[in-house]
Amino acid sequence: MSTPVTPAERPQQLRREFSLWSAFAFAFAFISPIVALYGIFGLALSAAGPSFWWGFLLVFSGQFLVALIFATLVSRWPLEGSIYQWSRRLLGTTYGWFAGWVYMWTLVIAMATVALGAAGFIANIFGIAEPTGGTLALIALLILLAGTAVNLVGRRALKIFMVGSIIAEVIGSVVLGTWLLLFHRQNSLSVLFEGGGADNTDTLAYLTGPFMLAVAFIGWSFVGFESAGSIAEEVREPRRDLPKAVLFSLVFIFVVVAYSALAIILAIPDLGAVADGTVADPVYDTLTTALGSGIAKPVEVLFVIGFLASFLALQTSASRVIWAYSRDGALPAADALVRLRGKARIPTVAILVTTVIGAGLFLLSIVAGDVYSLMVNFTAGGFYLAFLFPLVGFLVVLLRRGWTPAKFSLGRATLPVALVAVVWAVLQFLNIAWPRVAFDQRYLDWSVWIGIAVLAVVGAVLFASVRTRIASTADVDDMESFDAIDARTDDRGATR
């Protein structure tokens, strides 16, 4: 093995400027209680009625098992790119490449989805009652450009936005939820046991139909906790801090989302109007009714902050996965994509690639139909499919007795937790991807499978063109180990 070079001599080495708090804030902003709730609230409520709330408990329970496995993996391999890196080291380069391919595109599409969601709130704030697809796309494009500018400035600006997001989440979710419960409660707790209408009298049919559709939508609310691993090589003590960030972010998100959802449901003035489609946006309608339009709009500003922070975290994660691929030589134009800019060592070209792709998706939203629902569908399914790669890989390695525990370990519970986590992720993926009749446009029901088919074909062609020049995992592992030692011994501390 050659003598390790200093950090300054490693042009492909990122700076370790994030702490445990920063990693937690990043994952928290990625999931974002505001995005997690308001992005799916109307969809889930219309699908299953107020009883959709119980889906939060179900999805959280399954995702917490997944988070435990991811905490185990990130403790062993705290590498930029998370799912891509873990899967590659578990079952080989081909397996890892396609895991990262799914994950990378899911992140980029989710980034565009969040921007379009924020655009709707911004349109409301400026009094645009029924914005056209072109208007929403234009607002989303402005969000994309502003977010790109923040990400290009450096990690300090990113951390400021993450902290601002948490403050906005607390005010916009917890405080607002408490206010609604105390002073604007319209419904009793019994509504939580009511389905979406009179047709849902068969309990079994309801649980396998409307409720599971709501669970599919809710699946989008509890992804992103793994994003702390996407910035692993920018965290000073990753093996110690990242497992905590993964688990804490998911737990806190669940508490905030479940509490806020309960408050909104109990404050809805007319559940019947929501059920029959008269009220298209139950969140905005409830806030306006309870607080008045003059107060509801400032609250929506807090929502926009949450969406923007989530957008920033998604764009950062996507750019880091692209950068991790490029460092391995696993993408075309890898030499350009892997370049880091300035003293802050920011992957500028990778960030700009996400900007170009995002702009293309916004253009598609103008010429196509219900792109927002399509994106929500695919990203939910895409995340769970991406999760399955490391989960299945980890289970296979455990069964082969080839796993070496790291700093964070589940001990004897590792195998049963891994097995149940795989079963949960498979069932939830199938639930999300199942082409049940849920939309007027039939292609939306098949959106997950259409997206997977396109990614598989394009990915196979691309992988064939780069597979012979993909670097060994040992090179990256050695580089990360040397840099982690430097980060602990560097007397500059937090400036790195």
Protein backbone atom coordinates (compact mmCIF):
# COMPACT_ATOMS: atom_id res chain seq x y z
CA MET A 1 0.00 0.00 0.00
CA SER A 2 1.36 3.42 -0.90
CA THR A 3 2.02 6.09 1.72
CA PRO A 4 -1.13 8.15 2.30
CA VAL A 5 -1.08 11.70 1.06
CA THR A 6 -2.20 14.69 3.04
CA PRO A 7 -5.76 16.03 2.68
CA ALA A 8 -4.51 19.01 0.70
CA GLU A 9 -2.96 16.59 -1.83
CA ARG A 10 -6.20 14.70 -2.36
CA PRO A 11 -8.19 16.67 -4.93
CA GLN A 12 -11.12 14.24 -4.63
CA GLN A 13 -11.43 14.48 -0.85
CA LEU A 14 -14.40 16.34 0.63
CA ARG A 15 -14.10 18.54 3.69
CA ARG A 16 -15.46 17.23 7.00
CA GLU A 17 -17.46 20.23 8.19
CA PHE A 18 -20.59 18.53 9.54
CA SER A 19 -21.20 17.49 13.17
CA LEU A 20 -23.82 15.15 14.67
CA TRP A 21 -26.22 18.09 14.91
CA SER A 22 -25.58 19.02 11.27
CA ALA A 23 -26.13 15.44 10.08
CA PHE A 24 -29.35 15.20 12.11
CA ALA A 25 -30.58 18.57 10.79
CA PHE A 26 -29.76 17.46 7.26
CA ALA A 27 -31.75 14.21 7.54
CA PHE A 28 -34.55 16.04 9.38
CA ALA A 29 -34.79 18.64 6.62
CA PHE A 30 -34.63 15.94 3.95
CA ILE A 31 -37.72 14.20 5.32
CA SER A 32 -39.25 17.46 6.60
CA PRO A 33 -42.44 17.03 8.64
CA ILE A 34 -44.10 19.71 6.54
CA VAL A 35 -43.27 17.97 3.26
CA ALA A 36 -43.92 14.53 4.74
CA LEU A 37 -47.39 15.56 5.88
CA TYR A 38 -48.71 18.16 3.46
CA GLY A 39 -47.31 16.44 0.40
CA ILE A 40 -49.55 13.43 0.96
CA PHE A 41 -52.28 14.59 3.38
CA GLY A 42 -54.97 15.31 0.79
CA LEU A 43 -54.16 12.17 -1.22
CA ALA A 44 -54.28 9.86 1.81
CA LEU A 45 -57.38 11.51 3.28
CA SER A 46 -59.32 11.24 0.04
CA ALA A 47 -58.25 7.60 -0.32
CA ALA A 48 -59.15 6.29 3.13
CA GLY A 49 -60.82 9.02 5.14
CA PRO A 50 -59.63 10.12 8.60
CA SER A 51 -58.64 6.57 9.53
CA PHE A 52 -55.63 6.92 7.24
CA TRP A 53 -53.92 8.35 10.35
CA TRP A 54 -53.23 4.82 11.63
CA GLY A 55 -51.08 4.31 8.56
CA PHE A 56 -48.46 6.58 10.12
CA LEU A 57 -48.00 4.07 12.94
CA LEU A 58 -47.72 1.14 10.54
CA VAL A 59 -45.24 2.77 8.17
CA PHE A 60 -43.09 4.15 10.99
CA SER A 61 -42.83 0.72 12.64
CA GLY A 62 -41.58 -0.84 9.42
CA GLN A 63 -39.26 2.02 8.56
CA PHE A 64 -37.69 2.00 12.01
CA LEU A 65 -36.50 -1.56 11.36
CA VAL A 66 -35.03 -0.39 8.06
CA ALA A 67 -33.34 2.52 9.87
CA LEU A 68 -31.74 0.11 12.34
CA ILE A 69 -30.16 -1.82 9.48
CA PHE A 70 -29.01 1.37 7.75
CA ALA A 71 -27.50 2.59 11.02
CA THR A 72 -25.56 -0.67 11.14
CA LEU A 73 -24.36 -0.26 7.55
CA VAL A 74 -23.35 3.39 7.83
CA SER A 75 -21.35 2.57 10.94
CA ARG A 76 -19.39 0.00 8.94
CA TRP A 77 -19.10 2.01 5.72
CA PRO A 78 -19.50 5.77 6.31
CA LEU A 79 -19.06 6.64 2.65
CA GLU A 80 -20.52 9.31 0.41
CA GLY A 81 -23.35 7.85 -1.64
CA SER A 82 -24.78 5.61 1.13
CA ILE A 83 -27.01 3.03 -0.59
CA TYR A 84 -24.71 2.81 -3.62
CA GLN A 85 -21.63 2.24 -1.48
CA TRP A 86 -23.25 -0.20 0.95
CA SER A 87 -24.82 -2.34 -1.77
CA ARG A 88 -21.61 -2.52 -3.77
CA ARG A 89 -19.63 -3.75 -0.77
CA LEU A 90 -22.30 -6.26 0.19
CA LEU A 91 -22.91 -8.03 -3.14
CA GLY A 92 -20.52 -6.62 -5.70
CA THR A 93 -20.08 -3.80 -8.20
CA THR A 94 -22.93 -4.64 -10.60
CA TYR A 95 -25.42 -4.98 -7.75
CA GLY A 96 -24.23 -1.76 -6.14
CA TRP A 97 -24.22 0.18 -9.40
CA PHE A 98 -27.90 -0.53 -10.08
CA ALA A 99 -28.80 0.17 -6.44
CA GLY A 100 -27.22 3.59 -6.72
CA TRP A 101 -28.75 4.15 -10.16
CA VAL A 102 -32.27 3.73 -8.76
CA TYR A 103 -31.43 5.82 -5.71
CA MET A 104 -29.85 8.64 -7.70
CA TRP A 105 -32.82 9.06 -10.02
CA THR A 106 -35.28 8.77 -7.15
CA LEU A 107 -33.51 11.62 -5.37
CA VAL A 108 -33.51 13.86 -8.45
CA ILE A 109 -37.18 13.21 -9.19
CA ALA A 110 -38.07 13.73 -5.52
CA MET A 111 -36.17 17.02 -5.63
CA ALA A 112 -38.35 18.18 -8.53
CA THR A 113 -41.48 16.91 -6.75
CA VAL A 114 -40.72 18.95 -3.64
CA ALA A 115 -40.05 22.05 -5.73
CA LEU A 116 -43.42 21.67 -7.46
CA GLY A 117 -45.09 21.16 -4.08
CA ALA A 118 -43.48 24.35 -2.77
CA ALA A 119 -44.60 26.17 -5.91
CA GLY A 120 -48.23 25.49 -5.03
CA PHE A 121 -47.84 27.09 -1.61
CA ILE A 122 -45.98 30.08 -3.06
CA ALA A 123 -48.77 30.55 -5.59
CA ASN A 124 -51.28 30.60 -2.72
CA ILE A 125 -49.20 33.18 -0.85
CA PHE A 126 -49.24 35.50 -3.86
CA GLY A 127 -52.96 35.06 -4.37
CA ILE A 128 -52.86 32.82 -7.44
CA ALA A 129 -55.96 30.76 -6.73
CA GLU A 130 -55.74 28.30 -9.62
CA PRO A 131 -52.18 28.35 -11.02
CA THR A 132 -51.62 26.70 -14.37
CA GLY A 133 -49.04 23.99 -14.91
CA GLY A 134 -46.80 26.54 -16.60
CA THR A 135 -47.00 28.91 -13.62
CA LEU A 136 -46.14 26.16 -11.17
CA ALA A 137 -43.25 25.01 -13.35
CA LEU A 138 -41.88 28.57 -13.54
CA ILE A 139 -42.05 28.99 -9.75
CA ALA A 140 -40.42 25.57 -9.29
CA LEU A 141 -37.65 26.58 -11.69
CA LEU A 142 -36.94 29.69 -9.62
CA ILE A 143 -36.78 27.49 -6.51
CA LEU A 144 -34.38 25.20 -8.35
CA LEU A 145 -32.06 28.05 -9.32
CA ALA A 146 -32.13 29.59 -5.83
CA GLY A 147 -31.42 26.23 -4.21
CA THR A 148 -28.57 25.56 -6.60
CA ALA A 149 -27.04 28.92 -5.69
CA VAL A 150 -27.19 28.06 -1.97
CA ASN A 151 -25.63 24.64 -2.54
CA LEU A 152 -22.84 26.19 -4.60
CA VAL A 153 -21.99 28.71 -1.88
CA GLY A 154 -20.86 26.02 0.54
CA ARG A 155 -21.79 23.95 3.56
CA ARG A 156 -22.12 26.89 5.94
CA ALA A 157 -25.07 28.29 3.97
CA LEU A 158 -26.56 24.81 3.81
CA LYS A 159 -26.31 24.40 7.59
CA ILE A 160 -27.99 27.78 8.17
CA PHE A 161 -30.93 26.72 6.03
CA MET A 162 -31.17 23.39 7.85
CA VAL A 163 -31.38 25.12 11.24
CA GLY A 164 -33.93 27.57 9.86
CA SER A 165 -35.93 24.62 8.61
CA ILE A 166 -36.09 22.98 12.03
CA ILE A 167 -37.32 26.24 13.58
CA ALA A 168 -39.95 26.56 10.85
CA GLU A 169 -40.99 22.93 11.34
CA VAL A 170 -41.49 23.39 15.08
CA ILE A 171 -43.54 26.57 14.60
CA GLY A 172 -45.40 25.37 11.53
CA SER A 173 -46.14 21.87 12.80
CA VAL A 174 -46.01 21.49 16.58
CA VAL A 175 -47.11 24.97 17.65
CA LEU A 176 -49.75 25.22 14.93
CA GLY A 177 -50.99 21.71 15.71
CA THR A 178 -51.33 22.53 19.39
CA TRP A 179 -53.22 25.74 18.59
CA LEU A 180 -55.66 23.85 16.38
CA LEU A 181 -56.23 21.16 19.00
CA LEU A 182 -56.85 23.67 21.76
CA PHE A 183 -58.98 26.25 19.99
CA HIS A 184 -60.26 24.93 16.65
CA ARG A 185 -61.18 21.32 17.19
CA GLN A 186 -64.22 20.38 15.10
CA ASN A 187 -64.24 16.58 15.25
CA SER A 188 -63.98 13.91 17.93
CA LEU A 189 -61.35 11.18 18.10
CA SER A 190 -63.96 8.74 16.81
CA VAL A 191 -63.41 10.05 13.26
CA LEU A 192 -60.07 8.23 13.29
CA PHE A 193 -62.07 5.03 12.94
CA GLU A 194 -64.04 6.26 9.94
CA GLY A 195 -63.17 5.29 6.39
CA GLY A 196 -63.53 7.25 3.21
CA GLY A 197 -67.27 6.91 2.79
CA ALA A 198 -70.38 4.78 3.02
CA ASP A 199 -69.09 2.29 0.48
CA ASN A 200 -66.34 1.15 2.87
CA THR A 201 -68.52 -0.99 5.14
CA ASP A 202 -66.57 -4.20 4.53
CA THR A 203 -63.64 -4.04 6.97
CA LEU A 204 -61.48 -6.56 5.12
CA ALA A 205 -62.09 -4.88 1.76
CA TYR A 206 -61.30 -1.52 3.33
CA LEU A 207 -58.03 -2.70 4.89
CA THR A 208 -56.85 -4.26 1.63
CA GLY A 209 -58.12 -1.41 -0.54
CA PRO A 210 -58.46 2.23 0.52
CA PHE A 211 -56.36 1.91 3.66
CA MET A 212 -53.46 0.23 1.87
CA LEU A 213 -53.61 2.92 -0.81
CA ALA A 214 -53.27 5.51 1.95
CA VAL A 215 -50.34 3.52 3.38
CA ALA A 216 -48.75 3.66 -0.07
CA PHE A 217 -48.98 7.47 -0.04
CA ILE A 218 -47.73 7.63 3.56
CA GLY A 219 -44.70 5.61 2.50
CA TRP A 220 -43.38 8.83 0.98
CA SER A 221 -43.47 10.49 4.41
CA PHE A 222 -40.86 8.28 6.08
CA VAL A 223 -37.98 8.15 3.65
CA GLY A 224 -34.83 10.23 3.75
CA PHE A 225 -33.41 9.18 7.11
CA GLU A 226 -30.70 7.38 5.14
CA SER A 227 -29.63 10.74 3.68
CA ALA A 228 -27.32 11.31 6.64
CA GLY A 229 -25.18 8.61 5.03
CA SER A 230 -25.14 10.49 1.73
CA ILE A 231 -22.90 13.13 3.34
CA ALA A 232 -20.89 10.60 5.39
CA GLU A 233 -17.48 11.81 4.24
CA GLU A 234 -18.39 15.37 5.23
CA VAL A 235 -19.09 14.41 8.86
CA ARG A 236 -16.24 14.59 11.36
CA GLU A 237 -17.08 11.47 13.42
CA PRO A 238 -19.25 9.46 11.00
CA ARG A 239 -19.02 6.02 12.63
CA ARG A 240 -20.11 7.45 15.95
CA ASP A 241 -22.58 10.12 14.86
CA LEU A 242 -24.31 8.91 11.71
CA PRO A 243 -26.19 5.94 13.24
CA LYS A 244 -27.65 8.38 15.79
CA ALA A 245 -28.59 10.86 13.07
CA VAL A 246 -30.35 8.15 11.02
CA LEU A 247 -32.43 6.89 13.95
CA PHE A 248 -33.16 10.20 15.71
CA SER A 249 -34.30 11.95 12.53
CA LEU A 250 -36.85 9.23 11.75
CA VAL A 251 -38.23 9.15 15.31
CA PHE A 252 -38.57 12.93 15.55
CA ILE A 253 -40.20 13.14 12.14
CA PHE A 254 -42.74 10.51 13.12
CA VAL A 255 -43.68 12.31 16.35
CA VAL A 256 -44.11 15.66 14.60
CA VAL A 257 -45.98 14.27 11.58
CA ALA A 258 -48.37 12.08 13.57
CA TYR A 259 -49.15 14.92 15.98
CA SER A 260 -49.69 17.49 13.21
CA ALA A 261 -51.84 15.11 11.16
CA LEU A 262 -54.03 14.42 14.18
CA ALA A 263 -54.48 18.15 14.77
CA ILE A 264 -55.42 18.85 11.14
CA ILE A 265 -57.89 15.94 10.98
CA LEU A 266 -59.66 17.02 14.16
CA ALA A 267 -59.82 20.65 12.94
CA ILE A 268 -61.26 20.00 9.46
CA PRO A 269 -64.58 21.88 9.41
CA ASP A 270 -66.35 19.64 6.88
CA LEU A 271 -65.03 16.11 6.41
CA GLY A 272 -67.87 15.35 4.01
CA ALA A 273 -66.76 18.11 1.64
CA VAL A 274 -63.25 16.70 1.66
CA ALA A 275 -64.52 13.18 0.97
CA ASP A 276 -66.62 14.20 -2.04
CA GLY A 277 -63.86 16.33 -3.54
CA THR A 278 -65.48 19.72 -2.96
CA VAL A 279 -62.40 20.77 -0.95
CA ALA A 280 -59.33 20.12 -3.07
CA ASP A 281 -56.74 21.21 -0.47
CA PRO A 282 -57.96 20.27 3.03
CA VAL A 283 -54.83 21.68 4.70
CA TYR A 284 -55.16 25.16 3.24
CA ASP A 285 -58.93 25.17 3.69
CA THR A 286 -58.63 24.16 7.36
CA LEU A 287 -55.97 26.78 8.08
CA THR A 288 -57.99 29.50 6.36
CA THR A 289 -61.15 28.57 8.21
CA ALA A 290 -59.46 28.33 11.59
CA LEU A 291 -56.98 31.20 11.38
CA GLY A 292 -58.35 33.46 8.67
CA SER A 293 -56.65 34.25 5.39
CA GLY A 294 -54.53 36.96 7.01
CA ILE A 295 -52.90 34.48 9.41
CA ALA A 296 -52.92 31.44 7.16
CA LYS A 297 -50.63 33.02 4.60
CA PRO A 298 -47.75 33.72 7.04
CA VAL A 299 -48.10 30.13 8.21
CA GLU A 300 -47.76 29.03 4.61
CA VAL A 301 -44.46 30.93 4.49
CA LEU A 302 -43.23 28.55 7.20
CA PHE A 303 -44.39 25.66 5.03
CA VAL A 304 -42.41 27.04 2.10
CA ILE A 305 -39.28 27.21 4.27
CA GLY A 306 -39.74 23.54 5.12
CA PHE A 307 -40.14 22.64 1.45
CA LEU A 308 -37.07 24.67 0.47
CA ALA A 309 -34.91 23.01 3.12
CA SER A 310 -36.10 19.59 1.96
CA PHE A 311 -35.30 20.57 -1.61
CA LEU A 312 -31.77 21.61 -0.61
CA ALA A 313 -31.16 18.34 1.22
CA LEU A 314 -32.47 16.33 -1.73
CA GLN A 315 -30.30 18.21 -4.21
CA THR A 316 -27.28 17.80 -1.95
CA SER A 317 -27.89 14.06 -1.58
CA ALA A 318 -28.38 13.57 -5.32
CA SER A 319 -25.21 15.50 -6.15
CA ARG A 320 -23.21 13.46 -3.61
CA VAL A 321 -24.39 10.18 -5.12
CA ILE A 322 -23.39 11.43 -8.57
CA TRP A 323 -20.03 12.51 -7.14
CA ALA A 324 -19.48 9.13 -5.44
CA TYR A 325 -20.20 7.34 -8.74
CA SER A 326 -17.82 9.63 -10.57
CA ARG A 327 -15.00 9.11 -8.06
CA ASP A 328 -15.28 5.40 -8.85
CA GLY A 329 -15.30 6.12 -12.59
CA ALA A 330 -18.81 4.66 -12.76
CA LEU A 331 -20.43 7.38 -14.90
CA PRO A 332 -19.62 8.95 -18.27
CA ALA A 333 -17.67 12.23 -17.96
CA ALA A 334 -16.54 11.11 -14.49
CA ASP A 335 -13.44 13.33 -14.63
CA ALA A 336 -15.62 16.43 -14.87
CA LEU A 337 -18.31 15.27 -12.44
CA VAL A 338 -15.82 14.46 -9.68
CA ARG A 339 -14.20 17.90 -9.62
CA LEU A 340 -14.40 19.82 -6.36
CA ARG A 341 -14.42 23.61 -6.35
CA GLY A 342 -12.36 25.92 -4.17
CA LYS A 343 -11.30 25.62 -0.57
CA ALA A 344 -14.74 24.35 0.43
CA ARG A 345 -14.40 21.44 -2.03
CA ILE A 346 -17.94 21.54 -3.39
CA PRO A 347 -18.90 19.11 -6.23
CA THR A 348 -20.01 21.95 -8.49
CA VAL A 349 -20.52 20.03 -11.73
CA ALA A 350 -22.53 17.29 -9.98
CA ILE A 351 -24.81 19.93 -8.44
CA LEU A 352 -25.31 21.61 -11.82
CA VAL A 353 -26.26 18.26 -13.38
CA THR A 354 -29.13 17.94 -10.88
CA THR A 355 -30.20 21.47 -11.85
CA VAL A 356 -30.35 20.63 -15.55
CA ILE A 357 -32.30 17.41 -14.94
CA GLY A 358 -34.70 19.21 -12.60
CA ALA A 359 -35.36 21.90 -15.20
CA GLY A 360 -36.11 19.17 -17.73
CA LEU A 361 -38.67 17.61 -15.40
CA PHE A 362 -40.38 20.98 -14.95
CA LEU A 363 -40.61 21.33 -18.71
CA LEU A 364 -42.21 17.89 -18.82
CA SER A 365 -44.78 19.06 -16.27
CA ILE A 366 -45.92 21.74 -18.70
CA VAL A 367 -46.47 19.43 -21.67
CA ALA A 368 -47.67 16.33 -19.78
CA GLY A 369 -50.63 15.63 -17.52
CA ASP A 370 -50.67 15.06 -13.76
CA VAL A 371 -46.90 14.98 -13.35
CA TYR A 372 -47.03 15.73 -9.60
CA SER A 373 -48.98 12.54 -8.83
CA LEU A 374 -46.71 10.58 -11.17
CA MET A 375 -43.62 11.89 -9.37
CA VAL A 376 -45.05 11.18 -5.92
CA ASN A 377 -45.91 7.64 -7.01
CA PHE A 378 -42.55 6.92 -8.54
CA THR A 379 -40.40 8.47 -5.83
CA ALA A 380 -42.20 6.54 -3.09
CA GLY A 381 -41.72 3.30 -5.01
CA GLY A 382 -38.20 4.29 -6.03
CA PHE A 383 -37.08 4.87 -2.46
CA TYR A 384 -38.38 1.49 -1.29
CA LEU A 385 -36.83 -0.29 -4.26
CA ALA A 386 -33.51 1.44 -3.55
CA PHE A 387 -33.81 0.44 0.13
CA LEU A 388 -34.29 -3.19 -0.86
CA PHE A 389 -30.85 -3.42 -2.45
CA PRO A 390 -28.82 -2.96 0.76
CA LEU A 391 -31.46 -4.70 2.89
CA VAL A 392 -31.41 -7.87 0.75
CA GLY A 393 -27.63 -7.67 0.37
CA PHE A 394 -27.18 -7.38 4.12
CA LEU A 395 -29.50 -10.33 4.77
CA VAL A 396 -27.59 -12.47 2.26
CA VAL A 397 -24.26 -11.61 3.90
CA LEU A 398 -25.70 -12.43 7.33
CA LEU A 399 -26.97 -15.81 6.13
CA ARG A 400 -23.53 -16.51 4.65
CA ARG A 401 -22.03 -15.60 8.04
CA GLY A 402 -19.83 -13.02 6.35
CA TRP A 403 -20.77 -9.94 8.38
CA THR A 404 -18.27 -8.16 10.64
CA PRO A 405 -20.03 -5.86 13.15
CA ALA A 406 -18.89 -2.25 13.41
CA LYS A 407 -19.22 0.39 16.13
CA PHE A 408 -23.03 0.30 15.99
CA SER A 409 -24.43 -3.22 16.20
CA LEU A 410 -27.74 -4.91 17.00
CA GLY A 411 -26.01 -7.97 18.39
CA ARG A 412 -28.13 -11.15 18.35
CA ALA A 413 -31.13 -9.19 17.10
CA THR A 414 -29.38 -8.38 13.81
CA LEU A 415 -30.67 -11.33 11.78
CA PRO A 416 -34.35 -11.21 12.87
CA VAL A 417 -34.46 -7.43 12.46
CA ALA A 418 -32.88 -7.71 8.99
CA LEU A 419 -35.35 -10.44 7.98
CA VAL A 420 -38.45 -8.51 9.10
CA ALA A 421 -37.09 -5.30 7.53
CA VAL A 422 -36.75 -7.06 4.16
CA VAL A 423 -40.27 -8.49 4.40
CA TRP A 424 -41.66 -5.06 5.29
CA ALA A 425 -39.81 -3.28 2.47
CA VAL A 426 -40.92 -5.89 -0.09
CA LEU A 427 -44.57 -5.66 0.97
CA GLN A 428 -44.57 -1.87 1.05
CA PHE A 429 -42.85 -1.64 -2.32
CA LEU A 430 -45.45 -3.96 -3.85
CA ASN A 431 -48.21 -1.97 -2.15
CA ILE A 432 -46.90 1.26 -3.64
CA ALA A 433 -46.14 -0.18 -7.07
CA TRP A 434 -49.34 -2.23 -7.39
CA PRO A 435 -51.24 -0.84 -10.40
CA ARG A 436 -54.57 -0.51 -8.57
CA VAL A 437 -57.10 1.81 -10.17
CA ALA A 438 -56.53 5.05 -8.26
CA PHE A 439 -56.29 7.75 -10.94
CA ASP A 440 -58.38 8.86 -13.90
CA GLN A 441 -55.28 8.54 -16.09
CA ARG A 442 -54.52 4.81 -16.10
CA TYR A 443 -50.80 5.33 -16.81
CA LEU A 444 -50.41 6.92 -13.38
CA ASP A 445 -51.37 3.60 -11.79
CA TRP A 446 -48.42 2.01 -13.61
CA SER A 447 -45.99 4.88 -12.98
CA VAL A 448 -43.63 2.94 -10.70
CA TRP A 449 -43.24 0.05 -13.13
CA ILE A 450 -42.89 2.36 -16.11
CA GLY A 451 -40.14 4.26 -14.30
CA ILE A 452 -38.35 1.06 -13.31
CA ALA A 453 -38.48 -0.29 -16.86
CA VAL A 454 -37.01 2.91 -18.31
CA LEU A 455 -34.28 3.07 -15.66
CA ALA A 456 -33.41 -0.61 -16.18
CA VAL A 457 -32.97 -0.24 -19.93
CA VAL A 458 -31.03 3.03 -19.80
CA GLY A 459 -28.99 1.82 -16.82
CA ALA A 460 -28.02 -1.44 -18.52
CA VAL A 461 -26.71 0.44 -21.56
CA LEU A 462 -24.83 2.95 -19.43
CA PHE A 463 -23.35 0.34 -17.11
CA ALA A 464 -22.04 -1.67 -20.06
CA SER A 465 -20.16 1.43 -21.24
CA VAL A 466 -18.40 2.11 -17.91
CA ARG A 467 -18.05 -1.24 -16.13
CA THR A 468 -14.46 -1.90 -17.26
CA ARG A 469 -13.15 1.35 -15.74
CA ILE A 470 -14.88 1.28 -12.35
CA ALA A 471 -12.31 1.58 -9.56
CA SER A 472 -11.79 -0.95 -6.79
CA THR A 473 -13.63 -0.43 -3.52
CA ALA A 474 -10.34 -0.79 -1.65
CA ASP A 475 -9.07 2.53 -3.04
CA VAL A 476 -12.04 4.47 -1.69
CA ASP A 477 -12.05 2.60 1.63
CA ASP A 478 -8.39 3.41 2.20
CA MET A 479 -8.93 7.06 1.30
CA GLU A 480 -11.88 7.36 3.69
CA SER A 481 -9.97 5.68 6.52
CA PHE A 482 -6.97 7.98 6.15
CA ASP A 483 -9.18 11.06 5.95
CA ALA A 484 -11.20 10.00 9.01
CA ILE A 485 -7.98 9.71 11.00
CA ASP A 486 -6.88 13.13 9.77
CA ALA A 487 -10.25 14.59 10.79
CA ARG A 488 -9.88 13.31 14.36
CA THR A 489 -6.30 14.47 14.75
CA ASP A 490 -6.52 17.76 12.89
CA ASP A 491 -6.12 20.50 15.48
CA ARG A 492 -8.22 22.83 13.37
CA GLY A 493 -11.29 20.91 14.59
CA ALA A 494 -14.58 22.37 13.46
CA THR A 495 -13.07 24.42 10.67
CA ARG A 496 -12.73 21.24 8.61
